[in-house]
Protein backbone atom coordinates (compact mmCIF):
# COMPACT_ATOMS: atom_id res chain seq x y z
CA UNK A 1 86.16 99.04 84.97
CA UNK A 2 89.28 97.62 83.32
CA UNK A 3 88.76 95.78 80.05
CA UNK A 4 90.55 92.72 81.37
CA UNK A 5 87.92 92.38 84.08
CA UNK A 6 85.02 92.92 81.70
CA UNK A 7 86.16 89.89 79.69
CA UNK A 8 85.54 87.50 82.57
CA UNK A 9 82.02 88.67 83.44
CA UNK A 10 79.24 86.33 82.36
CA UNK A 11 77.55 87.63 79.22
CA UNK A 12 74.07 87.53 80.74
CA UNK A 13 75.01 90.29 83.17
CA UNK A 14 75.76 92.56 80.20
CA UNK A 15 72.49 91.43 78.62
CA UNK A 16 70.73 92.45 81.85
CA UNK A 17 72.58 95.76 81.90
CA UNK A 18 71.44 96.58 78.35
CA UNK A 19 67.89 95.52 79.12
CA UNK A 20 67.68 97.70 82.22
CA UNK A 21 69.21 100.66 80.41
CA UNK A 22 66.31 100.57 77.98
CA UNK A 23 63.46 99.79 80.33
CA UNK A 24 64.19 100.75 83.95
CA UNK A 25 65.25 103.86 85.79
CA UNK A 26 64.13 102.52 89.17
CA UNK A 27 66.45 102.43 92.17
CA UNK A 28 67.07 98.85 93.29
CA UNK A 29 68.79 97.32 96.30
CA UNK A 30 71.07 94.29 96.08
CA UNK A 31 72.24 92.46 99.21
CA UNK A 32 75.02 89.88 99.60
CA UNK A 33 75.06 87.09 102.19
CA UNK A 34 76.22 83.50 102.76
CA UNK A 35 74.88 80.54 104.76
CA UNK A 36 77.39 79.62 107.48
CA UNK A 37 78.05 80.81 111.02
CA UNK A 38 81.45 82.05 112.18
CA UNK A 39 82.71 83.16 108.77
CA UNK A 40 85.57 85.68 108.63
CA UNK A 41 84.69 88.27 106.02
CA UNK A 42 87.43 89.06 103.52
CA UNK A 43 87.44 90.60 100.06
CA UNK A 44 85.58 93.77 101.04
CA UNK A 45 88.62 95.97 100.37
CA UNK A 46 88.87 94.52 96.88
CA UNK A 47 85.15 95.03 96.28
CA UNK A 48 85.36 98.68 97.35
CA UNK A 49 88.25 99.18 94.92
CA UNK A 50 86.22 97.51 92.17
CA UNK A 51 83.30 99.88 92.83
CA UNK A 52 85.43 102.99 93.38
CA UNK A 53 84.29 104.79 90.21
CA UNK A 54 80.64 103.99 90.85
CA UNK A 55 80.92 105.23 94.44
CA UNK A 56 82.68 108.48 93.53
CA UNK A 57 80.19 109.23 90.75
CA UNK A 58 77.34 108.40 93.17
CA UNK A 59 75.90 105.86 90.73
CA UNK A 60 75.84 103.28 93.51
CA UNK A 61 75.46 103.75 97.27
CA UNK A 62 77.53 101.06 98.98
CA UNK A 63 77.06 99.84 102.54
CA UNK A 64 79.38 97.17 103.89
CA UNK A 65 80.91 95.36 106.84
CA UNK A 66 84.61 95.84 107.42
CA UNK A 67 87.32 93.38 106.41
CA UNK A 68 87.83 90.76 109.12
CA UNK A 69 84.32 90.98 110.60
CA UNK A 70 82.92 87.67 111.81
CA UNK A 71 79.54 87.05 110.17
CA UNK A 72 76.83 84.43 110.48
CA UNK A 73 74.28 82.65 108.33
CA UNK A 74 72.17 85.02 106.16
CA UNK A 75 73.83 88.15 107.60
CA UNK A 76 74.04 90.91 104.99
CA UNK A 77 77.68 91.92 104.49
CA UNK A 78 77.25 94.23 101.51
CA UNK A 79 74.39 96.32 100.14
CA UNK A 80 74.33 98.13 96.80
CA UNK A 81 71.69 100.74 96.04
CA UNK A 82 71.30 102.37 92.64
CA UNK A 83 69.92 101.84 89.15
CA UNK A 84 70.21 98.24 88.00
CA UNK A 85 72.08 99.29 84.87
CA UNK A 86 74.98 100.29 87.12
CA UNK A 87 74.78 97.30 89.48
CA UNK A 88 74.06 94.37 87.15
CA UNK A 89 77.56 93.56 85.90
CA UNK A 90 79.09 93.43 89.39
CA UNK A 91 76.96 90.66 90.88
CA UNK A 92 79.03 87.65 89.81
CA UNK A 93 82.36 89.40 90.35
CA UNK A 94 81.49 90.31 93.93
CA UNK A 95 80.11 86.84 94.67
CA UNK A 96 83.41 85.35 93.57
CA UNK A 97 85.63 87.81 95.42
CA UNK A 98 83.78 87.43 98.71
CA UNK A 99 83.41 83.65 98.41
CA UNK A 100 87.06 82.88 97.79
CA UNK A 101 88.51 85.50 100.11
CA UNK A 102 86.18 84.73 103.02
CA UNK A 103 86.68 80.98 102.60
CA UNK A 104 90.44 81.37 102.93
CA UNK A 105 90.24 83.81 105.84
CA UNK A 106 87.89 81.44 107.65
CA UNK A 107 90.18 78.47 106.98
CA UNK A 108 93.06 80.43 108.46
CA UNK A 109 91.01 81.39 111.52
CA UNK A 110 90.09 77.75 112.14
CA UNK A 111 93.76 76.76 112.10
CA UNK A 112 94.70 79.65 114.40
CA UNK A 113 91.99 78.72 116.89
CA UNK A 114 92.98 75.05 116.81
CA UNK A 115 96.65 75.88 117.41
CA UNK A 116 95.86 77.78 120.64
CA UNK A 117 98.73 80.25 120.41
CA UNK A 118 101.25 78.05 118.61
CA UNK A 119 102.45 79.57 115.35
CA UNK A 120 100.64 78.66 112.14
CA UNK A 121 102.70 79.06 108.97
CA UNK A 122 101.05 79.55 105.59
CA UNK A 123 102.64 77.10 103.14
CA UNK A 124 99.84 77.22 100.58
CA UNK A 125 101.82 78.27 97.52
CA UNK A 126 102.01 74.77 96.01
CA UNK A 127 98.25 74.31 96.42
CA UNK A 128 97.38 77.58 94.73
CA UNK A 129 97.82 79.29 91.37
CA UNK A 130 100.49 81.96 91.49
CA UNK A 131 98.07 84.56 90.14
CA UNK A 132 95.94 84.11 93.26
CA UNK A 133 98.68 84.15 95.86
CA UNK A 134 98.82 87.88 96.65
CA UNK A 135 95.13 88.28 97.40
CA UNK A 136 94.97 84.89 99.07
CA UNK A 137 97.81 85.68 101.47
CA UNK A 138 95.97 88.85 102.44
CA UNK A 139 92.93 86.73 103.33
CA UNK A 140 95.13 84.39 105.39
CA UNK A 141 96.40 87.48 107.20
CA UNK A 142 92.82 88.63 107.82
CA UNK A 143 92.16 85.18 109.29
CA UNK A 144 95.04 85.59 111.73
CA UNK A 145 98.13 84.05 110.12
CA UNK A 146 101.34 86.04 110.60
CA UNK A 147 104.00 83.66 109.23
CA UNK A 148 104.35 82.86 105.53
CA UNK A 149 106.69 80.67 103.50
CA UNK A 150 106.66 83.28 100.71
CA UNK A 151 107.47 87.01 101.08
CA UNK A 152 104.83 88.25 98.63
CA UNK A 153 102.51 89.76 101.26
CA UNK A 154 105.13 92.40 102.01
CA UNK A 155 104.71 93.85 98.52
CA UNK A 156 100.91 93.76 98.59
CA UNK A 157 99.24 97.22 98.71
CA UNK A 158 97.04 96.43 101.73
CA UNK A 159 100.12 95.32 103.70
CA UNK A 160 101.71 98.71 103.16
CA UNK A 161 98.66 100.37 104.72
CA UNK A 162 99.11 98.46 107.98
CA UNK A 163 100.67 100.20 111.01
CA UNK A 164 104.40 99.56 111.43
CA UNK A 165 103.96 97.60 114.66
CA UNK A 166 101.64 95.16 112.87
CA UNK A 167 103.89 94.82 109.81
CA UNK A 168 106.77 93.93 112.11
CA UNK A 169 104.83 90.90 113.39
CA UNK A 170 104.55 89.41 109.90
CA UNK A 171 107.49 87.17 109.09
CA UNK A 172 108.81 84.91 106.36
CA UNK A 173 109.52 81.30 107.33
CA UNK A 174 112.75 79.83 105.88
CA UNK A 175 113.54 76.14 105.48
CA UNK A 176 114.50 73.85 102.57
CA UNK A 177 112.58 71.66 100.13
CA UNK A 178 113.42 67.97 99.72
CA UNK A 179 115.10 68.72 96.39
CA UNK A 180 117.85 70.66 98.17
CA UNK A 181 118.71 67.51 100.13
CA UNK A 182 118.47 65.24 97.10
CA UNK A 183 121.29 67.09 95.31
CA UNK A 184 123.52 66.14 98.25
CA UNK A 185 122.46 62.49 97.86
CA UNK A 186 120.38 62.61 101.03
CA UNK A 187 123.27 63.77 103.22
CA UNK A 188 121.32 66.08 105.53
CA UNK A 189 124.40 67.36 107.37
CA UNK A 190 126.25 68.24 104.17
CA UNK A 191 123.14 69.91 102.78
CA UNK A 192 122.65 72.04 105.88
CA UNK A 193 126.34 73.00 106.09
CA UNK A 194 126.25 74.21 102.49
CA UNK A 195 122.94 75.96 103.17
CA UNK A 196 124.45 77.79 106.13
CA UNK A 197 127.50 78.74 104.08
CA UNK A 198 125.24 80.10 101.33
CA UNK A 199 122.79 81.83 103.70
CA UNK A 200 124.78 82.62 106.87
CA UNK A 201 122.20 85.08 108.24
CA UNK A 202 119.20 82.76 107.94
CA UNK A 203 118.15 80.51 110.82
CA UNK A 204 119.16 76.87 110.42
CA UNK A 205 115.94 74.86 110.22
CA UNK A 206 116.54 71.38 108.84
CA UNK A 207 114.00 69.33 106.89
CA UNK A 208 114.57 65.91 108.45
CA UNK A 209 112.22 63.38 106.79
CA UNK A 210 114.06 62.89 103.47
CA UNK A 211 115.55 59.56 104.55
CA UNK A 212 112.43 58.56 106.50
CA UNK A 213 114.37 58.49 109.76
CA UNK A 214 113.37 61.69 111.47
CA UNK A 215 115.04 61.09 114.82
CA UNK A 216 118.35 59.85 113.43
CA UNK A 217 118.71 62.74 110.97
CA UNK A 218 117.63 65.31 113.57
CA UNK A 219 120.32 64.10 115.95
CA UNK A 220 122.88 64.23 113.14
CA UNK A 221 122.22 67.90 112.43
CA UNK A 222 122.09 68.65 116.15
CA UNK A 223 125.52 67.08 116.60
CA UNK A 224 126.88 69.06 113.62
CA UNK A 225 125.44 72.46 114.56
CA UNK A 226 124.76 72.39 118.30
CA UNK A 227 123.25 75.66 119.51
CA UNK A 228 123.23 77.02 115.95
CA UNK A 229 120.47 74.60 114.99
CA UNK A 230 117.26 76.58 115.44
CA UNK A 231 114.77 73.96 114.40
CA UNK A 232 113.79 70.86 112.47
CA UNK A 233 110.79 70.36 110.20
CA UNK A 234 108.97 67.05 109.83
CA UNK A 235 107.04 66.64 106.57
CA UNK A 236 106.45 62.88 106.35
CA UNK A 237 103.72 61.97 103.85
CA UNK A 238 100.50 60.59 105.43
CA UNK A 239 100.98 57.24 103.64
CA UNK A 240 104.47 56.60 105.07
CA UNK A 241 105.56 55.32 108.48
CA UNK A 242 108.89 56.71 109.70
CA UNK A 243 111.64 54.24 110.62
CA UNK A 244 111.70 55.76 114.10
CA UNK A 245 108.41 53.93 114.71
CA UNK A 246 109.51 50.53 113.37
CA UNK A 247 108.50 48.90 116.66
CA UNK A 248 104.87 49.96 116.19
CA UNK A 249 102.10 48.54 113.95
CA UNK A 250 101.95 49.75 110.36
CA UNK A 251 98.55 51.40 110.61
CA UNK A 252 97.19 54.87 109.93
CA UNK A 253 97.78 56.12 113.47
CA UNK A 254 101.54 55.86 113.05
CA UNK A 255 101.85 57.07 109.46
CA UNK A 256 102.72 60.58 108.39
CA UNK A 257 103.46 63.30 110.92
CA UNK A 258 101.79 61.86 114.00
CA UNK A 259 101.82 62.62 117.71
CA UNK A 260 103.87 59.56 118.66
CA UNK A 261 106.62 60.41 116.15
CA UNK A 262 106.85 64.04 117.22
CA UNK A 263 106.78 63.12 120.91
CA UNK A 264 109.66 60.69 120.41
CA UNK A 265 111.57 63.29 118.42
CA UNK A 266 111.14 65.87 121.18
CA UNK A 267 112.39 63.41 123.80
CA UNK A 268 115.39 62.42 121.67
CA UNK A 269 116.40 66.04 121.07
CA UNK A 270 116.02 66.93 124.74
CA UNK A 271 118.10 63.94 125.82
CA UNK A 272 120.89 64.93 123.41
CA UNK A 273 121.25 68.56 124.47
CA UNK A 274 118.72 69.87 121.98
CA UNK A 275 116.07 71.40 124.21
CA UNK A 276 116.61 74.66 122.32
CA UNK A 277 115.67 73.07 118.97
CA UNK A 278 112.18 73.95 117.75
CA UNK A 279 109.99 71.40 116.00
CA UNK A 280 107.89 72.43 113.02
CA UNK A 281 105.50 70.03 111.36
CA UNK A 282 103.73 70.05 108.00
CA UNK A 283 102.11 67.71 105.42
CA UNK A 284 98.33 67.46 105.25
CA UNK A 285 97.58 69.42 108.40
CA UNK A 286 93.99 70.42 109.12
CA UNK A 287 92.36 72.04 112.16
CA UNK A 288 91.36 68.58 113.43
CA UNK A 289 94.89 67.22 113.12
CA UNK A 290 96.26 70.32 114.84
CA UNK A 291 93.76 69.85 117.67
CA UNK A 292 95.03 66.30 118.20
CA UNK A 293 98.55 67.58 118.86
CA UNK A 294 97.17 70.20 121.25
CA UNK A 295 94.92 67.71 123.08
CA UNK A 296 97.79 65.30 123.61
CA UNK A 297 100.07 68.17 124.69
CA UNK A 298 102.72 67.33 122.12
CA UNK A 299 105.41 70.01 122.04
CA UNK A 300 105.24 71.61 118.60
CA UNK A 301 106.55 75.10 117.80
CA UNK A 302 104.88 75.64 114.46
CA UNK A 303 102.22 74.11 112.20
CA UNK A 304 102.85 74.49 108.45
CA UNK A 305 99.49 74.40 106.67
CA UNK A 306 99.03 74.32 102.91
CA UNK A 307 96.25 72.55 101.04
CA UNK A 308 93.59 73.02 103.72
CA UNK A 309 93.93 76.80 103.53
CA UNK A 310 93.05 76.95 99.83
CA UNK A 311 89.68 75.20 100.05
CA UNK A 312 86.73 77.35 98.91
CA UNK A 313 83.73 76.40 101.05
CA UNK A 314 81.92 79.67 101.77
CA UNK A 315 79.66 80.89 98.99
CA UNK A 316 78.13 84.36 98.80
CA UNK A 317 75.16 85.30 96.69
CA UNK A 318 73.88 88.71 95.67
CA UNK A 319 70.18 89.27 95.04
CA UNK A 320 67.92 92.20 94.29
CA UNK A 321 65.58 92.56 97.26
CA UNK A 322 64.03 96.00 96.74
CA UNK A 323 62.54 97.81 93.77
CA UNK A 324 62.26 101.40 94.90
CA UNK A 325 60.73 101.15 98.37
CA UNK A 326 58.93 97.91 97.54
CA UNK A 327 60.37 94.69 98.97
CA UNK A 328 60.38 92.30 96.05
CA UNK A 329 62.77 89.46 95.32
CA UNK A 330 63.01 85.93 93.96
CA UNK A 331 61.28 83.25 96.02
CA UNK A 332 63.30 82.41 99.13
CA UNK A 333 65.01 85.80 99.33
CA UNK A 334 64.04 88.90 101.26
CA UNK A 335 65.45 92.25 102.31
CA UNK A 336 67.26 92.03 105.64
CA UNK A 337 68.32 94.92 107.81
CA UNK A 338 71.84 94.98 109.21
CA UNK A 339 72.59 97.97 111.41
CA UNK A 340 76.29 97.08 111.38
CA UNK A 341 76.66 98.17 107.75
CA UNK A 342 78.85 101.21 107.06
CA UNK A 343 78.21 103.55 104.12
CA UNK A 344 81.18 104.02 101.79
CA UNK A 345 82.28 107.60 101.18
């Protein structure tokens, strides 16, 4: 184990390791599980890498479920068998890896299921620490996301192990932040013309909520670019009502990126020769908000999801459940058989 990893392990696990080294040569069994149904398991690849030396030296026998497996409440996803002096220090590390990774994969899966075939774009970078992004994007991939605002997944080791036909389905989504429009004093057309001049091979997808008049600015860029305009993105903050809805009450239903606003935008684009223009939406999207667009049959071509994806809400725990052949564990825990487990080689 690398020294940098050892520094973040709770001291009591090393205390337990030293204790067991002096007093126990028994073989123990540790099992890991969580308490929700429909969880997408992620982090197993990382755990197997973490335990690689222990597996190869046969200090620990590892049985596991594969990355991406859907698991339910109390289902054992990982089993470690060996002397406690070898297992002790890994408990907290593995809990953390599986909890975070599986939370994010499950969040992604919920968005994918809600979108019912419409593209979901991972835009979670601003809600995450940059040190987490690589592993996190892998978990979003495991959960079903194939479009990302950042290209980092393409340099991730697990990505390189994927078959070519799968790698080709993973794409980077290009657009602009609000700051790139601000430097042109809010002139969306000028900003997009300069963007196209700077990046002539990238698709023209205009961010159209800077001036809080989504329809007007969308029609401006449509008039300027015509068939070259590939899409518009609406990112209105949930506390703001767009000017396009000035005839409607100023209540929550009409604030942010809402179904009425997007429906009006689609109609305005279609009526102005912009049926080819795709509409992408972002800002505070959750599975429930995505479902609302689907239920109301609002024409959206992509959902950009950020903050929701990063929420950690699945928590794994590892417990010793056997001492030799004897089933013994803390109160409330017990050994559970799972015939789906695979033994690591």
